[in-house]
Amino acid sequence: PTQRSPFIGSVDRATGRMAKVGGLYLDYAKLTYYDGTKLLFAAALVPVFGGYAGAFTWGFVGLTAFSWLYAPFLFNPYQF
């Protein structure tokens, strides 16, 4: 059996504030920061070790790294 996790944590009904911060969003944000940084670092190492790719390829790698690093701010339920 699986346990359902809240997306953004739990809210205190009396005050309307977050009682417990956590949930699936923070797991998602952590993974996208890690993978985006890893991809950016690996892409920076390719020219250092003599690798070469066309501008089209670098454009797609840059777009992917940018989207992974920017997406947690765009889809942010906490609005910080």
N, C-alpha and C. Protein backbone atom coordinates (compact mmCIF):
# COMPACT_ATOMS: atom_id res chain seq x y z
N PRO A 1 0.83 -1.20 0.00
CA PRO A 1 0.00 0.00 0.00
C PRO A 1 0.87 1.25 0.00
N THR A 2 0.39 2.27 -0.65
CA THR A 2 1.12 3.53 -0.70
C THR A 2 0.43 4.55 0.19
N GLN A 3 1.22 5.47 0.66
CA GLN A 3 0.70 6.52 1.53
C GLN A 3 0.62 7.81 0.72
N ARG A 4 -0.48 8.51 0.78
CA ARG A 4 -0.62 9.77 0.05
C ARG A 4 0.10 10.86 0.79
N SER A 5 0.95 11.59 0.07
CA SER A 5 1.65 12.73 0.64
C SER A 5 0.97 14.01 0.17
N PRO A 6 0.91 15.01 1.04
CA PRO A 6 0.34 16.28 0.60
C PRO A 6 1.28 16.96 -0.39
N PHE A 7 0.72 17.81 -1.24
CA PHE A 7 1.55 18.48 -2.23
C PHE A 7 2.40 19.56 -1.60
N ILE A 8 1.82 20.36 -0.70
CA ILE A 8 2.59 21.46 -0.11
C ILE A 8 2.65 21.42 1.41
N GLY A 9 2.18 20.41 2.05
CA GLY A 9 2.20 20.34 3.50
C GLY A 9 0.79 20.42 4.06
N SER A 10 0.69 20.76 5.33
CA SER A 10 -0.64 20.85 5.95
C SER A 10 -0.86 22.25 6.51
N VAL A 11 -2.11 22.67 6.50
CA VAL A 11 -2.49 24.01 6.93
C VAL A 11 -3.24 23.94 8.25
N ASP A 12 -2.92 24.86 9.16
CA ASP A 12 -3.67 24.99 10.41
C ASP A 12 -4.97 25.71 10.10
N ARG A 13 -6.09 25.05 10.32
CA ARG A 13 -7.40 25.61 9.93
C ARG A 13 -7.75 26.86 10.74
N ALA A 14 -7.29 26.97 11.96
CA ALA A 14 -7.65 28.11 12.80
C ALA A 14 -6.98 29.40 12.32
N THR A 15 -5.70 29.32 12.01
CA THR A 15 -4.96 30.53 11.62
C THR A 15 -4.81 30.68 10.11
N GLY A 16 -4.92 29.59 9.37
CA GLY A 16 -4.73 29.65 7.93
C GLY A 16 -3.28 29.61 7.51
N ARG A 17 -2.38 29.40 8.46
CA ARG A 17 -0.94 29.34 8.16
C ARG A 17 -0.50 27.89 8.02
N MET A 18 0.66 27.72 7.45
CA MET A 18 1.22 26.39 7.26
C MET A 18 1.61 25.80 8.61
N ALA A 19 1.06 24.66 8.95
CA ALA A 19 1.41 23.98 10.19
C ALA A 19 2.66 23.13 9.99
N LYS A 20 2.75 22.52 8.82
CA LYS A 20 3.90 21.67 8.52
C LYS A 20 4.29 21.92 7.06
N VAL A 21 5.49 22.42 6.86
CA VAL A 21 5.99 22.68 5.52
C VAL A 21 6.64 21.41 5.01
N GLY A 22 6.34 21.05 3.80
CA GLY A 22 6.91 19.85 3.22
C GLY A 22 6.04 19.37 2.09
N GLY A 23 6.13 18.13 1.78
CA GLY A 23 5.29 17.57 0.74
C GLY A 23 6.03 17.31 -0.54
N LEU A 24 5.25 17.01 -1.55
CA LEU A 24 5.81 16.61 -2.83
C LEU A 24 6.52 17.74 -3.56
N TYR A 25 6.06 19.00 -3.37
CA TYR A 25 6.70 20.11 -4.07
C TYR A 25 8.17 20.25 -3.69
N LEU A 26 8.48 20.15 -2.41
CA LEU A 26 9.86 20.30 -1.99
C LEU A 26 10.74 19.17 -2.52
N ASP A 27 10.19 17.97 -2.62
CA ASP A 27 10.94 16.86 -3.23
C ASP A 27 11.21 17.16 -4.70
N TYR A 28 10.19 17.67 -5.40
CA TYR A 28 10.34 18.01 -6.82
C TYR A 28 11.37 19.12 -7.00
N ALA A 29 11.31 20.16 -6.17
CA ALA A 29 12.22 21.29 -6.31
C ALA A 29 13.67 20.85 -6.07
N LYS A 30 13.86 20.01 -5.06
CA LYS A 30 15.21 19.55 -4.76
C LYS A 30 15.79 18.75 -5.92
N LEU A 31 15.00 17.88 -6.50
CA LEU A 31 15.49 17.06 -7.62
C LEU A 31 15.77 17.89 -8.87
N THR A 32 14.92 18.88 -9.16
CA THR A 32 15.18 19.68 -10.36
C THR A 32 16.41 20.56 -10.19
N TYR A 33 16.64 21.11 -8.98
CA TYR A 33 17.86 21.88 -8.75
C TYR A 33 19.09 21.00 -8.91
N TYR A 34 19.04 19.82 -8.35
CA TYR A 34 20.18 18.90 -8.43
C TYR A 34 20.46 18.49 -9.87
N ASP A 35 19.43 18.06 -10.59
CA ASP A 35 19.64 17.62 -11.98
C ASP A 35 20.01 18.76 -12.90
N GLY A 36 19.41 19.93 -12.72
CA GLY A 36 19.76 21.09 -13.55
C GLY A 36 21.20 21.54 -13.33
N THR A 37 21.64 21.55 -12.08
CA THR A 37 23.03 21.92 -11.78
C THR A 37 24.00 20.88 -12.32
N LYS A 38 23.64 19.62 -12.20
CA LYS A 38 24.49 18.56 -12.72
C LYS A 38 24.63 18.65 -14.24
N LEU A 39 23.53 18.92 -14.93
CA LEU A 39 23.57 19.07 -16.38
C LEU A 39 24.39 20.29 -16.79
N LEU A 40 24.23 21.39 -16.08
CA LEU A 40 24.99 22.61 -16.39
C LEU A 40 26.48 22.39 -16.16
N PHE A 41 26.84 21.72 -15.09
CA PHE A 41 28.24 21.43 -14.79
C PHE A 41 28.84 20.48 -15.84
N ALA A 42 28.09 19.46 -16.22
CA ALA A 42 28.57 18.51 -17.22
C ALA A 42 28.72 19.19 -18.58
N ALA A 43 27.80 20.08 -18.91
CA ALA A 43 27.90 20.80 -20.19
C ALA A 43 29.09 21.74 -20.19
N ALA A 44 29.44 22.30 -19.04
CA ALA A 44 30.62 23.17 -18.96
C ALA A 44 31.91 22.36 -19.07
N LEU A 45 31.90 21.09 -18.67
CA LEU A 45 33.10 20.27 -18.74
C LEU A 45 33.36 19.71 -20.14
N VAL A 46 32.36 19.64 -20.99
CA VAL A 46 32.54 19.06 -22.33
C VAL A 46 33.59 19.81 -23.13
N PRO A 47 33.55 21.14 -23.24
CA PRO A 47 34.62 21.83 -23.98
C PRO A 47 35.99 21.73 -23.32
N VAL A 48 36.01 21.61 -22.01
CA VAL A 48 37.29 21.51 -21.30
C VAL A 48 38.03 20.24 -21.71
N PHE A 49 37.30 19.17 -21.92
CA PHE A 49 37.92 17.91 -22.28
C PHE A 49 37.95 17.66 -23.79
N GLY A 50 37.71 18.71 -24.56
CA GLY A 50 37.87 18.60 -26.01
C GLY A 50 36.65 18.19 -26.78
N GLY A 51 35.52 18.14 -26.16
CA GLY A 51 34.31 17.79 -26.88
C GLY A 51 33.76 18.97 -27.66
N TYR A 52 33.04 18.69 -28.69
CA TYR A 52 32.47 19.76 -29.50
C TYR A 52 31.09 19.32 -29.99
N ALA A 53 30.18 20.25 -30.04
CA ALA A 53 28.86 20.01 -30.62
C ALA A 53 28.43 21.30 -31.29
N GLY A 54 27.51 21.19 -32.21
CA GLY A 54 27.03 22.37 -32.92
C GLY A 54 26.24 23.30 -32.02
N ALA A 55 25.97 24.48 -32.51
CA ALA A 55 25.24 25.49 -31.75
C ALA A 55 23.82 25.02 -31.45
N PHE A 56 23.24 24.25 -32.37
CA PHE A 56 21.89 23.73 -32.17
C PHE A 56 21.84 22.84 -30.93
N THR A 57 22.83 21.97 -30.78
CA THR A 57 22.90 21.07 -29.63
C THR A 57 23.09 21.85 -28.34
N TRP A 58 24.00 22.83 -28.34
CA TRP A 58 24.23 23.63 -27.15
C TRP A 58 23.00 24.44 -26.77
N GLY A 59 22.27 24.87 -27.77
CA GLY A 59 21.03 25.60 -27.49
C GLY A 59 20.01 24.74 -26.75
N PHE A 60 19.86 23.48 -27.20
CA PHE A 60 18.92 22.59 -26.52
C PHE A 60 19.39 22.20 -25.12
N VAL A 61 20.68 21.98 -24.96
CA VAL A 61 21.21 21.66 -23.62
C VAL A 61 21.03 22.86 -22.69
N GLY A 62 21.30 24.05 -23.18
CA GLY A 62 21.11 25.25 -22.37
C GLY A 62 19.65 25.49 -22.01
N LEU A 63 18.75 25.25 -22.96
CA LEU A 63 17.33 25.41 -22.69
C LEU A 63 16.84 24.40 -21.65
N THR A 64 17.33 23.18 -21.74
CA THR A 64 16.94 22.15 -20.77
C THR A 64 17.45 22.50 -19.37
N ALA A 65 18.72 22.90 -19.26
CA ALA A 65 19.28 23.27 -17.96
C ALA A 65 18.55 24.48 -17.38
N PHE A 66 18.26 25.47 -18.21
CA PHE A 66 17.55 26.66 -17.74
C PHE A 66 16.15 26.30 -17.25
N SER A 67 15.45 25.45 -17.98
CA SER A 67 14.09 25.09 -17.57
C SER A 67 14.08 24.29 -16.28
N TRP A 68 15.07 23.42 -16.08
CA TRP A 68 15.14 22.65 -14.83
C TRP A 68 15.47 23.55 -13.65
N LEU A 69 16.28 24.57 -13.86
CA LEU A 69 16.65 25.46 -12.76
C LEU A 69 15.57 26.52 -12.49
N TYR A 70 14.78 26.88 -13.49
CA TYR A 70 13.78 27.93 -13.34
C TYR A 70 12.39 27.40 -12.97
N ALA A 71 12.08 26.17 -13.32
CA ALA A 71 10.73 25.63 -13.13
C ALA A 71 10.25 25.65 -11.67
N PRO A 72 11.08 25.36 -10.67
CA PRO A 72 10.56 25.42 -9.29
C PRO A 72 10.09 26.82 -8.88
N PHE A 73 10.62 27.87 -9.49
CA PHE A 73 10.15 29.22 -9.19
C PHE A 73 8.85 29.52 -9.92
N LEU A 74 8.70 28.97 -11.11
CA LEU A 74 7.51 29.22 -11.91
C LEU A 74 6.29 28.47 -11.35
N PHE A 75 6.47 27.22 -10.95
CA PHE A 75 5.37 26.41 -10.43
C PHE A 75 5.47 26.30 -8.91
N ASN A 76 5.51 27.43 -8.23
CA ASN A 76 5.74 27.48 -6.80
C ASN A 76 4.44 27.70 -6.04
N PRO A 77 3.93 26.70 -5.33
CA PRO A 77 2.69 26.91 -4.58
C PRO A 77 2.88 27.76 -3.32
N TYR A 78 4.11 27.89 -2.84
CA TYR A 78 4.37 28.70 -1.64
C TYR A 78 4.46 30.18 -1.96
N GLN A 79 4.77 30.52 -3.21
CA GLN A 79 4.92 31.91 -3.68
C GLN A 79 5.98 32.68 -2.89
N PHE A 80 7.16 32.07 -2.74
CA PHE A 80 8.27 32.79 -2.11
C PHE A 80 9.26 33.19 -3.16
